[in-house]
Amino acid sequence: MTPNIPEIVSEIADIFERYEQALIDRDVATLDSLFWNSPHTIRLSVREHGYGFDAIHAHRVAAAAGAGSIKQGRVRLDILTLGRDFATVNLTFKTRDPAMIGRQSQAWARFPDQGWRVVSAHVSTVDASTLAPD
């Protein structure tokens, strides 16, 4: 598997930006369309343990009218693609609470009949004082 084929990195970067905009817009339909519709899909976050697409969707619908994103700015974005059909995205971001740092990770797989879909995702925060400088 060849790492970081430029056109594949570009595809993932574009779709990740689409995902991020859907979060800002609280666009449940777009968010759902970017996740693998499977009981094997997982999304763990600050307020969610989503095991399976149906649980992830139910949380999105319930949260759509709730508080907005905790993100207040990006610190670092890393994209790794392996071959043409698998990628990871890791984002470190500033949160509303300056004492905390947010972390987001996603595993993306390209399905022949669906295109790129998130198969696993995680969002968490950590006390910024516990992190060593880069």
Protein backbone atom coordinates (compact mmCIF):
# COMPACT_ATOMS: atom_id res chain seq x y z
CA MET A 1 0.00 0.00 0.00
CA THR A 2 1.51 3.25 -1.11
CA PRO A 3 1.17 6.02 1.47
CA ASN A 4 -0.15 9.47 0.59
CA ILE A 5 -0.78 9.27 -3.14
CA PRO A 6 -1.32 12.99 -3.82
CA GLU A 7 -4.69 12.70 -5.58
CA ILE A 8 -6.05 10.42 -2.84
CA VAL A 9 -4.88 12.83 -0.12
CA SER A 10 -6.65 15.60 -2.05
CA GLU A 11 -9.88 13.55 -2.23
CA ILE A 12 -9.82 12.93 1.52
CA ALA A 13 -8.98 16.55 2.30
CA ASP A 14 -11.96 17.70 0.22
CA ILE A 15 -14.39 15.24 1.76
CA PHE A 16 -13.11 16.04 5.27
CA GLU A 17 -13.83 19.74 4.66
CA ARG A 18 -17.33 18.76 3.50
CA TYR A 19 -17.76 16.82 6.74
CA GLU A 20 -16.54 19.74 8.84
CA GLN A 21 -18.93 22.15 7.10
CA ALA A 22 -21.81 19.73 7.69
CA LEU A 23 -20.94 19.74 11.40
CA ILE A 24 -21.04 23.54 11.46
CA ASP A 25 -24.32 23.59 9.52
CA ARG A 26 -25.78 20.72 11.59
CA ASP A 27 -26.55 19.04 8.27
CA VAL A 28 -27.64 15.59 9.43
CA ALA A 29 -28.31 14.31 5.91
CA THR A 30 -24.78 15.10 4.76
CA LEU A 31 -23.22 13.73 7.93
CA ASP A 32 -25.22 10.53 7.55
CA SER A 33 -24.20 10.24 3.90
CA LEU A 34 -20.53 10.34 4.87
CA PHE A 35 -20.77 7.48 7.38
CA TRP A 36 -20.88 3.80 6.46
CA ASN A 37 -24.45 2.65 7.03
CA SER A 38 -23.50 -0.45 9.01
CA PRO A 39 -23.91 -1.87 12.51
CA HIS A 40 -20.08 -2.06 12.52
CA THR A 41 -19.59 1.71 12.29
CA ILE A 42 -18.44 3.39 15.51
CA ARG A 43 -18.40 7.03 16.61
CA LEU A 44 -17.20 7.86 20.10
CA SER A 45 -17.30 11.47 21.23
CA VAL A 46 -17.51 13.68 24.27
CA ARG A 47 -21.28 13.10 24.55
CA GLU A 48 -21.83 9.94 22.52
CA HIS A 49 -21.02 6.25 22.37
CA GLY A 50 -22.38 5.46 18.93
CA TYR A 51 -22.10 1.79 18.14
CA GLY A 52 -23.66 1.24 14.73
CA PHE A 53 -25.01 3.66 12.14
CA ASP A 54 -28.50 3.73 13.65
CA ALA A 55 -27.21 4.87 17.06
CA ILE A 56 -24.96 7.48 15.41
CA HIS A 57 -27.90 8.80 13.38
CA ALA A 58 -30.18 8.92 16.44
CA HIS A 59 -27.60 10.98 18.32
CA ARG A 60 -27.20 13.37 15.37
CA VAL A 61 -30.96 13.95 15.16
CA ALA A 62 -31.22 14.57 18.90
CA ALA A 63 -28.20 16.90 18.90
CA ALA A 64 -29.10 18.84 15.74
CA ALA A 65 -30.86 21.56 17.71
CA GLY A 66 -28.35 21.53 20.57
CA ALA A 67 -25.17 23.45 21.20
CA GLY A 68 -22.85 24.08 18.29
CA SER A 69 -19.39 22.73 17.71
CA ILE A 70 -16.83 22.81 20.49
CA LYS A 71 -14.17 23.66 17.89
CA GLN A 72 -12.69 27.13 17.98
CA GLY A 73 -9.77 26.73 15.59
CA ARG A 74 -7.44 24.12 14.16
CA VAL A 75 -4.05 23.34 15.63
CA ARG A 76 -2.95 20.47 13.40
CA LEU A 77 -4.48 18.34 10.64
CA ASP A 78 -2.85 15.09 9.54
CA ILE A 79 -4.08 12.94 6.67
CA LEU A 80 -2.63 9.52 5.94
CA THR A 81 -3.82 7.51 2.99
CA LEU A 82 -2.77 3.91 2.40
CA GLY A 83 -3.28 2.87 -1.16
CA ARG A 84 -6.39 4.19 -2.87
CA ASP A 85 -9.10 2.91 -0.56
CA PHE A 86 -8.15 3.62 3.08
CA ALA A 87 -7.32 6.80 4.97
CA THR A 88 -7.08 8.27 8.44
CA VAL A 89 -7.64 11.88 9.40
CA ASN A 90 -6.47 13.30 12.73
CA LEU A 91 -7.29 16.81 13.82
CA THR A 92 -6.12 18.64 16.92
CA PHE A 93 -8.20 21.73 17.64
CA LYS A 94 -8.75 24.56 20.08
CA THR A 95 -11.94 24.37 22.11
CA ARG A 96 -14.17 27.00 23.69
CA ASP A 97 -12.33 26.26 26.93
CA PRO A 98 -8.72 27.46 26.46
CA ALA A 99 -7.52 24.98 29.09
CA MET A 100 -8.61 22.07 26.88
CA ILE A 101 -7.40 20.70 23.55
CA GLY A 102 -9.69 18.70 21.28
CA ARG A 103 -8.76 15.63 19.26
CA GLN A 104 -10.67 14.09 16.41
CA SER A 105 -9.78 10.98 14.45
CA GLN A 106 -11.51 9.23 11.59
CA ALA A 107 -10.89 6.08 9.59
CA TRP A 108 -12.23 6.31 6.03
CA ALA A 109 -12.73 3.43 3.60
CA ARG A 110 -13.67 3.65 -0.07
CA PHE A 111 -16.51 1.28 -0.95
CA PRO A 112 -16.93 0.31 -4.62
CA ASP A 113 -20.65 1.13 -4.62
CA GLN A 114 -20.68 4.11 -2.19
CA GLY A 115 -17.37 5.92 -2.35
CA TRP A 116 -15.60 7.22 0.76
CA ARG A 117 -17.29 6.57 4.12
CA VAL A 118 -16.24 7.01 7.75
CA VAL A 119 -16.07 3.58 9.37
CA SER A 120 -14.76 4.74 12.75
CA ALA A 121 -14.56 8.14 14.42
CA HIS A 122 -13.52 9.56 17.76
CA VAL A 123 -13.67 13.01 19.36
CA SER A 124 -12.31 13.84 22.80
CA THR A 125 -10.80 16.63 24.83
CA VAL A 126 -7.80 16.65 27.12
CA ASP A 127 -6.36 19.13 29.57
CA ALA A 128 -3.90 21.17 27.52
CA SER A 129 -1.42 21.34 30.40
CA THR A 130 -0.86 17.58 30.21
CA LEU A 131 0.46 17.67 26.65
CA ALA A 132 4.12 17.97 25.79
CA PRO A 133 4.92 20.62 23.16
CA ASP A 134 5.32 19.37 19.58
